[in-house]
């Protein structure tokens, strides 16, 4: 009997905490859609290129390329993260906001050690832009050292 009493009290306490409030966290589509002619100051990437081909490199060689961009938007551009599709690829990105009209760069280093043949790696950039995700690609043909 004592267990039933505790169970009933717990159920009442749990339902009383809700107080009839809705936990619906959906956002109306018109709250996020940009209507034509509506001012929407936001940052925007303009890339010099989004793909880079290193050509033929030798297994074990470390190569790097710097992707350059300009913020052509109306607000500061903030890159929150840059991740590579493989541990052999290391991106380095600016940690400070890039003001409108200013430029920035993302350096990508690729370590070809243990790779063989045609290789493609992605670097995913997350920023306060639309779209949030931008993908940069690097490519290389890795050949064995014939020493």
C-alpha atoms as a PDB file:
ATOM      1  CA  UNK A   1       0.000   0.000   0.000  1.00  0.00           C
ATOM      2  CA  UNK A   2       2.878   2.332   0.852  1.00  0.00           C
ATOM      3  CA  UNK A   3       4.393   1.809  -2.650  1.00  0.00           C
ATOM      4  CA  UNK A   4       1.092   2.799  -4.330  1.00  0.00           C
ATOM      5  CA  UNK A   5       0.937   5.957  -2.237  1.00  0.00           C
ATOM      6  CA  UNK A   6       4.502   6.959  -3.267  1.00  0.00           C
ATOM      7  CA  UNK A   7       3.726   6.200  -6.914  1.00  0.00           C
ATOM      8  CA  UNK A   8       0.592   8.373  -6.847  1.00  0.00           C
ATOM      9  CA  UNK A   9       2.483  11.249  -5.182  1.00  0.00           C
ATOM     10  CA  UNK A  10       5.256  11.038  -7.772  1.00  0.00           C
ATOM     11  CA  UNK A  11       2.733  11.114 -10.630  1.00  0.00           C
ATOM     12  CA  UNK A  12       0.981  14.144  -9.150  1.00  0.00           C
ATOM     13  CA  UNK A  13       4.272  15.963  -8.608  1.00  0.00           C
ATOM     14  CA  UNK A  14       5.387  15.276 -12.175  1.00  0.00           C
ATOM     15  CA  UNK A  15       2.133  16.452 -13.720  1.00  0.00           C
ATOM     16  CA  UNK A  16       2.059  19.555 -11.510  1.00  0.00           C
ATOM     17  CA  UNK A  17       5.479  20.621 -12.842  1.00  0.00           C
ATOM     18  CA  UNK A  18       4.109  20.961 -16.377  1.00  0.00           C
ATOM     19  CA  UNK A  19       1.553  23.649 -15.419  1.00  0.00           C
ATOM     20  CA  UNK A  20      -0.093  23.264 -18.814  1.00  0.00           C
ATOM     21  CA  UNK A  21       2.830  24.901 -20.643  1.00  0.00           C
ATOM     22  CA  UNK A  22       3.684  23.583 -24.078  1.00  0.00           C
ATOM     23  CA  UNK A  23       7.201  22.376 -24.786  1.00  0.00           C
ATOM     24  CA  UNK A  24       6.749  22.845 -28.535  1.00  0.00           C
ATOM     25  CA  UNK A  25      10.025  24.378 -29.751  1.00  0.00           C
ATOM     26  CA  UNK A  26       9.140  24.648 -33.428  1.00  0.00           C
ATOM     27  CA  UNK A  27       9.702  27.902 -35.249  1.00  0.00           C
ATOM     28  CA  UNK A  28       7.246  29.248 -37.758  1.00  0.00           C
ATOM     29  CA  UNK A  29       8.637  29.159 -41.297  1.00  0.00           C
ATOM     30  CA  UNK A  30       7.998  32.868 -41.812  1.00  0.00           C
ATOM     31  CA  UNK A  31      10.271  33.593 -38.836  1.00  0.00           C
ATOM     32  CA  UNK A  32      13.297  32.187 -40.695  1.00  0.00           C
ATOM     33  CA  UNK A  33      12.468  32.700 -44.360  1.00  0.00           C
ATOM     34  CA  UNK A  34      13.934  35.750 -46.033  1.00  0.00           C
ATOM     35  CA  UNK A  35      11.358  37.578 -48.038  1.00  0.00           C
ATOM     36  CA  UNK A  36      12.349  39.363 -51.223  1.00  0.00           C
ATOM     37  CA  UNK A  37      13.180  42.996 -50.580  1.00  0.00           C
ATOM     38  CA  UNK A  38      13.580  42.377 -46.845  1.00  0.00           C
ATOM     39  CA  UNK A  39      16.806  43.638 -45.275  1.00  0.00           C
ATOM     40  CA  UNK A  40      18.834  40.743 -43.958  1.00  0.00           C
ATOM     41  CA  UNK A  41      22.316  41.724 -42.911  1.00  0.00           C
ATOM     42  CA  UNK A  42      24.329  38.530 -42.884  1.00  0.00           C
ATOM     43  CA  UNK A  43      27.865  37.485 -43.772  1.00  0.00           C
ATOM     44  CA  UNK A  44      28.614  35.704 -47.054  1.00  0.00           C
ATOM     45  CA  UNK A  45      31.668  33.860 -48.341  1.00  0.00           C
ATOM     46  CA  UNK A  46      33.192  34.681 -51.716  1.00  0.00           C
ATOM     47  CA  UNK A  47      35.902  32.073 -52.348  1.00  0.00           C
ATOM     48  CA  UNK A  48      38.836  32.370 -54.746  1.00  0.00           C
ATOM     49  CA  UNK A  49      38.311  28.587 -55.199  1.00  0.00           C
ATOM     50  CA  UNK A  50      36.711  25.747 -53.244  1.00  0.00           C
ATOM     51  CA  UNK A  51      38.747  22.884 -54.760  1.00  0.00           C
ATOM     52  CA  UNK A  52      42.489  22.387 -55.069  1.00  0.00           C
ATOM     53  CA  UNK A  53      44.404  19.688 -56.930  1.00  0.00           C
ATOM     54  CA  UNK A  54      47.974  19.099 -55.716  1.00  0.00           C
ATOM     55  CA  UNK A  55      48.669  16.997 -58.781  1.00  0.00           C
ATOM     56  CA  UNK A  56      51.082  14.077 -58.384  1.00  0.00           C
ATOM     57  CA  UNK A  57      52.906  13.854 -55.048  1.00  0.00           C
ATOM     58  CA  UNK A  58      55.113  11.212 -53.438  1.00  0.00           C
ATOM     59  CA  UNK A  59      53.872   9.014 -50.562  1.00  0.00           C
ATOM     60  CA  UNK A  60      54.930  10.682 -47.309  1.00  0.00           C
ATOM     61  CA  UNK A  61      55.035  14.202 -48.743  1.00  0.00           C
ATOM     62  CA  UNK A  62      53.237  16.936 -46.783  1.00  0.00           C
ATOM     63  CA  UNK A  63      51.614  19.599 -48.924  1.00  0.00           C
ATOM     64  CA  UNK A  64      49.445  22.586 -48.079  1.00  0.00           C
ATOM     65  CA  UNK A  65      47.142  25.008 -49.783  1.00  0.00           C
ATOM     66  CA  UNK A  66      45.567  28.233 -48.557  1.00  0.00           C
ATOM     67  CA  UNK A  67      41.943  28.843 -49.512  1.00  0.00           C
ATOM     68  CA  UNK A  68      41.231  32.579 -49.578  1.00  0.00           C
ATOM     69  CA  UNK A  69      37.848  34.200 -49.110  1.00  0.00           C
ATOM     70  CA  UNK A  70      36.215  37.580 -48.743  1.00  0.00           C
ATOM     71  CA  UNK A  71      33.215  38.451 -46.591  1.00  0.00           C
ATOM     72  CA  UNK A  72      30.906  40.051 -49.160  1.00  0.00           C
ATOM     73  CA  UNK A  73      27.998  40.192 -46.709  1.00  0.00           C
ATOM     74  CA  UNK A  74      26.737  42.927 -44.427  1.00  0.00           C
ATOM     75  CA  UNK A  75      27.730  41.466 -41.045  1.00  0.00           C
ATOM     76  CA  UNK A  76      30.821  39.957 -39.404  1.00  0.00           C
ATOM     77  CA  UNK A  77      31.611  36.442 -40.625  1.00  0.00           C
ATOM     78  CA  UNK A  78      32.398  33.950 -37.862  1.00  0.00           C
ATOM     79  CA  UNK A  79      33.803  30.511 -38.597  1.00  0.00           C
ATOM     80  CA  UNK A  80      32.852  28.282 -35.689  1.00  0.00           C
ATOM     81  CA  UNK A  81      34.636  25.135 -36.865  1.00  0.00           C
ATOM     82  CA  UNK A  82      36.565  23.492 -39.684  1.00  0.00           C
ATOM     83  CA  UNK A  83      36.858  19.709 -39.767  1.00  0.00           C
ATOM     84  CA  UNK A  84      38.534  17.342 -42.188  1.00  0.00           C
ATOM     85  CA  UNK A  85      37.230  14.019 -43.453  1.00  0.00           C
ATOM     86  CA  UNK A  86      40.477  12.336 -42.374  1.00  0.00           C
ATOM     87  CA  UNK A  87      43.171  12.796 -39.730  1.00  0.00           C
ATOM     88  CA  UNK A  88      45.713  13.198 -42.542  1.00  0.00           C
ATOM     89  CA  UNK A  89      44.198  16.592 -43.364  1.00  0.00           C
ATOM     90  CA  UNK A  90      44.529  19.539 -40.969  1.00  0.00           C
ATOM     91  CA  UNK A  91      42.635  22.816 -41.493  1.00  0.00           C
ATOM     92  CA  UNK A  92      43.629  26.062 -39.760  1.00  0.00           C
ATOM     93  CA  UNK A  93      41.022  28.847 -39.822  1.00  0.00           C
ATOM     94  CA  UNK A  94      40.656  32.383 -38.421  1.00  0.00           C
ATOM     95  CA  UNK A  95      39.237  32.440 -34.886  1.00  0.00           C
ATOM     96  CA  UNK A  96      38.323  36.152 -34.967  1.00  0.00           C
ATOM     97  CA  UNK A  97      35.297  37.569 -36.830  1.00  0.00           C
ATOM     98  CA  UNK A  98      35.942  38.773 -40.394  1.00  0.00           C
ATOM     99  CA  UNK A  99      34.252  42.181 -40.881  1.00  0.00           C
ATOM    100  CA  UNK A 100      32.288  42.934 -44.081  1.00  0.00           C
ATOM    101  CA  UNK A 101      34.609  43.632 -46.996  1.00  0.00           C
ATOM    102  CA  UNK A 102      37.610  42.006 -45.303  1.00  0.00           C
ATOM    103  CA  UNK A 103      39.439  38.837 -46.347  1.00  0.00           C
ATOM    104  CA  UNK A 104      40.493  35.688 -44.567  1.00  0.00           C
ATOM    105  CA  UNK A 105      42.103  32.382 -45.308  1.00  0.00           C
ATOM    106  CA  UNK A 106      41.933  28.730 -44.368  1.00  0.00           C
ATOM    107  CA  UNK A 107      45.163  26.778 -44.599  1.00  0.00           C
ATOM    108  CA  UNK A 108      44.786  23.051 -45.295  1.00  0.00           C
ATOM    109  CA  UNK A 109      47.704  20.662 -44.827  1.00  0.00           C
ATOM    110  CA  UNK A 110      47.618  17.147 -46.283  1.00  0.00           C
ATOM    111  CA  UNK A 111      49.952  14.353 -45.161  1.00  0.00           C
ATOM    112  CA  UNK A 112      50.142  11.743 -47.922  1.00  0.00           C
ATOM    113  CA  UNK A 113      51.940   9.165 -45.778  1.00  0.00           C
ATOM    114  CA  UNK A 114      50.393   5.726 -46.314  1.00  0.00           C
ATOM    115  CA  UNK A 115      48.173   6.886 -49.169  1.00  0.00           C
ATOM    116  CA  UNK A 116      48.305   5.448 -52.661  1.00  0.00           C
ATOM    117  CA  UNK A 117      46.579   6.495 -55.845  1.00  0.00           C
ATOM    118  CA  UNK A 118      44.003   9.190 -56.418  1.00  0.00           C
ATOM    119  CA  UNK A 119      42.867  10.733 -53.119  1.00  0.00           C
ATOM    120  CA  UNK A 120      40.168  13.303 -52.359  1.00  0.00           C
ATOM    121  CA  UNK A 121      39.616  14.867 -48.924  1.00  0.00           C
ATOM    122  CA  UNK A 122      36.892  17.249 -47.729  1.00  0.00           C
ATOM    123  CA  UNK A 123      37.147  20.094 -45.239  1.00  0.00           C
ATOM    124  CA  UNK A 124      33.790  21.148 -43.803  1.00  0.00           C
ATOM    125  CA  UNK A 125      33.508  24.793 -42.753  1.00  0.00           C
ATOM    126  CA  UNK A 126      30.751  25.814 -40.316  1.00  0.00           C
ATOM    127  CA  UNK A 127      29.996  29.540 -40.200  1.00  0.00           C
ATOM    128  CA  UNK A 128      27.209  32.018 -39.539  1.00  0.00           C
ATOM    129  CA  UNK A 129      26.373  32.113 -43.245  1.00  0.00           C
ATOM    130  CA  UNK A 130      23.575  30.747 -45.392  1.00  0.00           C
ATOM    131  CA  UNK A 131      24.142  27.903 -45.957  1.00  0.00           C
ATOM    132  CA  UNK A 132      25.865  27.190 -42.644  1.00  0.00           C
ATOM    133  CA  UNK A 133      28.095  24.477 -44.135  1.00  0.00           C
ATOM    134  CA  UNK A 134      30.662  24.981 -46.894  1.00  0.00           C
ATOM    135  CA  UNK A 135      32.813  22.135 -48.198  1.00  0.00           C
ATOM    136  CA  UNK A 136      36.324  22.663 -49.522  1.00  0.00           C
ATOM    137  CA  UNK A 137      38.004  19.818 -51.445  1.00  0.00           C
ATOM    138  CA  UNK A 138      41.615  18.837 -51.962  1.00  0.00           C
ATOM    139  CA  UNK A 139      42.842  16.191 -54.409  1.00  0.00           C
ATOM    140  CA  UNK A 140      46.117  14.461 -55.127  1.00  0.00           C
ATOM    141  CA  UNK A 141      47.547  11.503 -56.998  1.00  0.00           C
ATOM    142  CA  UNK A 142      49.871   9.803 -54.488  1.00  0.00           C
ATOM    143  CA  UNK A 143      52.652   7.633 -55.937  1.00  0.00           C
ATOM    144  CA  UNK A 144      55.125   5.389 -54.115  1.00  0.00           C
ATOM    145  CA  UNK A 145      58.680   6.634 -53.792  1.00  0.00           C
ATOM    146  CA  UNK A 146      60.829   4.628 -56.219  1.00  0.00           C
ATOM    147  CA  UNK A 147      64.137   4.891 -54.350  1.00  0.00           C
END
